[in-house]
């Protein structure tokens, strides 16, 4: 399964999402550190979920990383826009 698909499955299982956008920006980083052939190394994620709204920024990021689990070891760069 593609990493992007795994990200979506895990985030949908963890949160009652109002918004979820996952952008694979790997090609923009071709030749940079962490890039590998086939992409799926650099992601931008925008998500909105009611349970995250009351959390601090750090708590939101921790919750997302916890939901992604071991996927974070397979991703080189992860930009999060969480609310």
N, C-alpha and C. Protein backbone atom coordinates (compact mmCIF):
# COMPACT_ATOMS: atom_id res chain seq x y z
N UNK A 1 0.85 -1.18 0.00
CA UNK A 1 0.00 0.00 0.00
C UNK A 1 0.89 1.24 0.00
N UNK A 2 0.48 2.23 -0.73
CA UNK A 2 1.22 3.48 -0.80
C UNK A 2 1.21 4.18 0.57
N UNK A 3 2.30 4.85 0.87
CA UNK A 3 2.40 5.56 2.15
C UNK A 3 1.28 6.59 2.28
N UNK A 4 0.97 7.29 1.22
CA UNK A 4 -0.10 8.29 1.25
C UNK A 4 -1.42 7.64 1.68
N UNK A 5 -1.71 6.47 1.15
CA UNK A 5 -2.93 5.75 1.51
C UNK A 5 -2.91 5.30 2.97
N UNK A 6 -1.75 4.85 3.43
CA UNK A 6 -1.62 4.46 4.84
C UNK A 6 -1.82 5.65 5.76
N UNK A 7 -1.27 6.80 5.38
CA UNK A 7 -1.47 8.02 6.17
C UNK A 7 -2.96 8.30 6.30
N UNK A 8 -3.66 8.27 5.18
CA UNK A 8 -5.10 8.56 5.19
C UNK A 8 -5.86 7.58 6.08
N UNK A 9 -5.59 6.30 5.93
CA UNK A 9 -6.28 5.29 6.75
C UNK A 9 -6.06 5.52 8.24
N UNK A 10 -4.82 5.77 8.61
CA UNK A 10 -4.51 5.95 10.03
C UNK A 10 -5.12 7.22 10.61
N UNK A 11 -5.09 8.31 9.85
CA UNK A 11 -5.67 9.54 10.35
C UNK A 11 -7.19 9.46 10.43
N UNK A 12 -7.81 8.81 9.46
CA UNK A 12 -9.28 8.65 9.51
C UNK A 12 -9.69 7.73 10.67
N UNK A 13 -8.86 6.76 11.00
CA UNK A 13 -9.17 5.87 12.12
C UNK A 13 -8.99 6.58 13.47
N UNK A 14 -8.09 7.54 13.53
CA UNK A 14 -7.76 8.19 14.80
C UNK A 14 -8.62 9.41 15.12
N UNK A 15 -9.12 10.09 14.09
CA UNK A 15 -9.81 11.36 14.30
C UNK A 15 -11.12 11.43 13.52
N UNK A 16 -12.06 12.21 14.03
CA UNK A 16 -13.31 12.51 13.33
C UNK A 16 -13.03 13.71 12.43
N UNK A 17 -12.50 13.47 11.27
CA UNK A 17 -11.98 14.52 10.41
C UNK A 17 -13.06 15.31 9.68
N UNK A 18 -12.92 16.63 9.74
CA UNK A 18 -13.74 17.52 8.93
C UNK A 18 -13.03 17.81 7.61
N UNK A 19 -11.70 17.88 7.68
CA UNK A 19 -10.87 18.17 6.50
C UNK A 19 -9.64 17.28 6.56
N UNK A 20 -9.29 16.68 5.42
CA UNK A 20 -8.03 15.96 5.31
C UNK A 20 -7.52 16.13 3.89
N UNK A 21 -6.35 16.75 3.78
CA UNK A 21 -5.67 16.90 2.50
C UNK A 21 -4.25 16.41 2.67
N UNK A 22 -3.85 15.50 1.81
CA UNK A 22 -2.49 14.94 1.88
C UNK A 22 -1.84 15.18 0.53
N UNK A 23 -0.74 15.91 0.56
CA UNK A 23 -0.02 16.25 -0.67
C UNK A 23 1.37 15.61 -0.61
N UNK A 24 1.67 14.79 -1.61
CA UNK A 24 3.01 14.21 -1.72
C UNK A 24 3.86 15.20 -2.51
N UNK A 25 4.76 15.88 -1.82
CA UNK A 25 5.63 16.88 -2.45
C UNK A 25 7.03 16.35 -2.72
N UNK A 26 7.17 15.07 -2.77
CA UNK A 26 8.49 14.45 -2.92
C UNK A 26 9.24 14.92 -4.16
N UNK A 27 8.53 15.04 -5.26
CA UNK A 27 9.21 15.39 -6.52
C UNK A 27 9.86 16.77 -6.45
N UNK A 28 9.31 17.66 -5.63
CA UNK A 28 9.90 18.99 -5.46
C UNK A 28 11.25 18.90 -4.76
N UNK A 29 11.56 17.77 -4.15
CA UNK A 29 12.79 17.60 -3.38
C UNK A 29 13.76 16.62 -4.03
N UNK A 30 13.54 16.34 -5.29
CA UNK A 30 14.42 15.42 -6.03
C UNK A 30 15.87 15.86 -5.88
N UNK A 31 16.71 14.93 -5.49
CA UNK A 31 18.13 15.22 -5.32
C UNK A 31 18.51 15.73 -3.95
N UNK A 32 17.54 16.11 -3.14
CA UNK A 32 17.81 16.59 -1.78
C UNK A 32 17.93 15.41 -0.83
N UNK A 33 18.45 15.69 0.34
CA UNK A 33 18.57 14.65 1.36
C UNK A 33 17.23 14.04 1.70
N UNK A 34 17.22 12.72 1.84
CA UNK A 34 16.01 12.02 2.21
C UNK A 34 15.14 11.62 1.03
N UNK A 35 15.37 12.22 -0.13
CA UNK A 35 14.58 11.87 -1.31
C UNK A 35 15.01 10.50 -1.81
N UNK A 36 14.05 9.73 -2.29
CA UNK A 36 14.39 8.45 -2.91
C UNK A 36 13.51 8.23 -4.13
N UNK A 37 13.99 7.44 -5.04
CA UNK A 37 13.27 7.13 -6.27
C UNK A 37 11.89 6.57 -5.93
N UNK A 38 10.89 7.05 -6.64
CA UNK A 38 9.53 6.60 -6.38
C UNK A 38 8.76 7.55 -5.47
N UNK A 39 9.46 8.49 -4.87
CA UNK A 39 8.80 9.50 -4.04
C UNK A 39 8.33 8.97 -2.71
N UNK A 40 7.22 9.53 -2.23
CA UNK A 40 6.64 9.21 -0.94
C UNK A 40 7.61 9.45 0.21
N UNK A 41 8.33 10.56 0.13
CA UNK A 41 9.28 10.92 1.19
C UNK A 41 8.95 12.24 1.86
N UNK A 42 8.25 13.12 1.17
CA UNK A 42 7.94 14.47 1.65
C UNK A 42 6.44 14.72 1.52
N UNK A 43 5.78 14.98 2.63
CA UNK A 43 4.34 15.18 2.62
C UNK A 43 3.93 16.47 3.33
N UNK A 44 2.88 17.09 2.81
CA UNK A 44 2.19 18.20 3.47
C UNK A 44 0.79 17.70 3.79
N UNK A 45 0.40 17.83 5.05
CA UNK A 45 -0.91 17.37 5.48
C UNK A 45 -1.67 18.52 6.14
N UNK A 46 -2.89 18.72 5.68
CA UNK A 46 -3.81 19.66 6.31
C UNK A 46 -4.94 18.84 6.88
N UNK A 47 -5.22 19.03 8.18
CA UNK A 47 -6.35 18.32 8.76
C UNK A 47 -7.03 19.15 9.81
N UNK A 48 -8.34 18.95 9.89
CA UNK A 48 -9.17 19.61 10.88
C UNK A 48 -10.03 18.54 11.53
N UNK A 49 -10.02 18.52 12.85
CA UNK A 49 -10.83 17.57 13.60
C UNK A 49 -11.23 18.22 14.91
N UNK A 50 -12.48 18.05 15.32
CA UNK A 50 -12.97 18.70 16.54
C UNK A 50 -12.12 18.38 17.77
N UNK A 51 -11.67 17.14 17.89
CA UNK A 51 -10.92 16.75 19.08
C UNK A 51 -9.54 17.40 19.17
N UNK A 52 -9.05 17.90 18.05
CA UNK A 52 -7.74 18.56 18.05
C UNK A 52 -7.84 20.06 18.37
N UNK A 53 -9.01 20.63 18.16
CA UNK A 53 -9.19 22.07 18.28
C UNK A 53 -8.81 22.62 19.65
N UNK A 54 -9.11 21.90 20.70
CA UNK A 54 -8.85 22.40 22.06
C UNK A 54 -7.42 22.15 22.53
N UNK A 55 -6.65 21.40 21.76
CA UNK A 55 -5.27 21.05 22.15
C UNK A 55 -4.30 22.18 21.81
N UNK A 56 -3.18 22.19 22.51
CA UNK A 56 -2.11 23.10 22.15
C UNK A 56 -1.49 22.62 20.84
N UNK A 57 -0.73 23.49 20.22
CA UNK A 57 -0.08 23.12 18.95
C UNK A 57 0.80 21.88 19.12
N UNK A 58 1.57 21.83 20.19
CA UNK A 58 2.46 20.69 20.43
C UNK A 58 1.63 19.43 20.65
N UNK A 59 0.55 19.51 21.41
CA UNK A 59 -0.30 18.35 21.66
C UNK A 59 -0.94 17.84 20.36
N UNK A 60 -1.36 18.75 19.48
CA UNK A 60 -1.92 18.34 18.18
C UNK A 60 -0.89 17.58 17.36
N UNK A 61 0.32 18.10 17.30
CA UNK A 61 1.37 17.43 16.53
C UNK A 61 1.70 16.07 17.13
N UNK A 62 1.75 15.98 18.43
CA UNK A 62 2.01 14.69 19.08
C UNK A 62 0.90 13.70 18.77
N UNK A 63 -0.35 14.16 18.79
CA UNK A 63 -1.48 13.28 18.51
C UNK A 63 -1.41 12.73 17.08
N UNK A 64 -1.06 13.58 16.13
CA UNK A 64 -0.94 13.14 14.74
C UNK A 64 0.22 12.16 14.59
N UNK A 65 1.36 12.48 15.18
CA UNK A 65 2.51 11.57 15.09
C UNK A 65 2.19 10.23 15.74
N UNK A 66 1.46 10.26 16.85
CA UNK A 66 1.06 9.02 17.52
C UNK A 66 0.15 8.20 16.59
N UNK A 67 -0.78 8.86 15.92
CA UNK A 67 -1.68 8.17 14.99
C UNK A 67 -0.92 7.56 13.81
N UNK A 68 0.10 8.26 13.35
CA UNK A 68 0.88 7.76 12.21
C UNK A 68 1.83 6.64 12.60
N UNK A 69 2.23 6.61 13.86
CA UNK A 69 3.07 5.53 14.36
C UNK A 69 4.34 5.34 13.57
N UNK A 70 4.60 4.10 13.16
CA UNK A 70 5.85 3.75 12.48
C UNK A 70 5.99 4.37 11.09
N UNK A 71 4.92 4.92 10.54
CA UNK A 71 5.04 5.58 9.23
C UNK A 71 6.01 6.74 9.28
N UNK A 72 6.14 7.37 10.44
CA UNK A 72 7.03 8.52 10.55
C UNK A 72 8.49 8.12 10.32
N UNK A 73 8.82 6.86 10.47
CA UNK A 73 10.20 6.41 10.20
C UNK A 73 10.43 6.20 8.70
N UNK A 74 9.35 6.13 7.92
CA UNK A 74 9.46 5.92 6.47
C UNK A 74 9.30 7.23 5.69
N UNK A 75 9.00 8.31 6.39
CA UNK A 75 8.82 9.62 5.76
C UNK A 75 9.99 10.51 6.16
N UNK A 76 10.56 11.21 5.19
CA UNK A 76 11.69 12.08 5.50
C UNK A 76 11.22 13.43 6.05
N UNK A 77 10.17 14.00 5.45
CA UNK A 77 9.70 15.32 5.87
C UNK A 77 8.18 15.33 5.91
N UNK A 78 7.65 15.90 6.98
CA UNK A 78 6.21 15.95 7.19
C UNK A 78 5.83 17.35 7.68
N UNK A 79 5.10 18.08 6.85
CA UNK A 79 4.62 19.42 7.23
C UNK A 79 3.16 19.29 7.62
N UNK A 80 2.80 19.79 8.80
CA UNK A 80 1.45 19.64 9.31
C UNK A 80 0.77 20.99 9.49
N UNK A 81 -0.44 21.11 8.99
CA UNK A 81 -1.31 22.25 9.23
C UNK A 81 -2.54 21.66 9.92
N UNK A 82 -2.59 21.81 11.23
CA UNK A 82 -3.60 21.12 12.05
C UNK A 82 -4.48 22.12 12.77
N UNK A 83 -5.76 21.82 12.83
CA UNK A 83 -6.68 22.67 13.57
C UNK A 83 -7.85 21.91 14.07
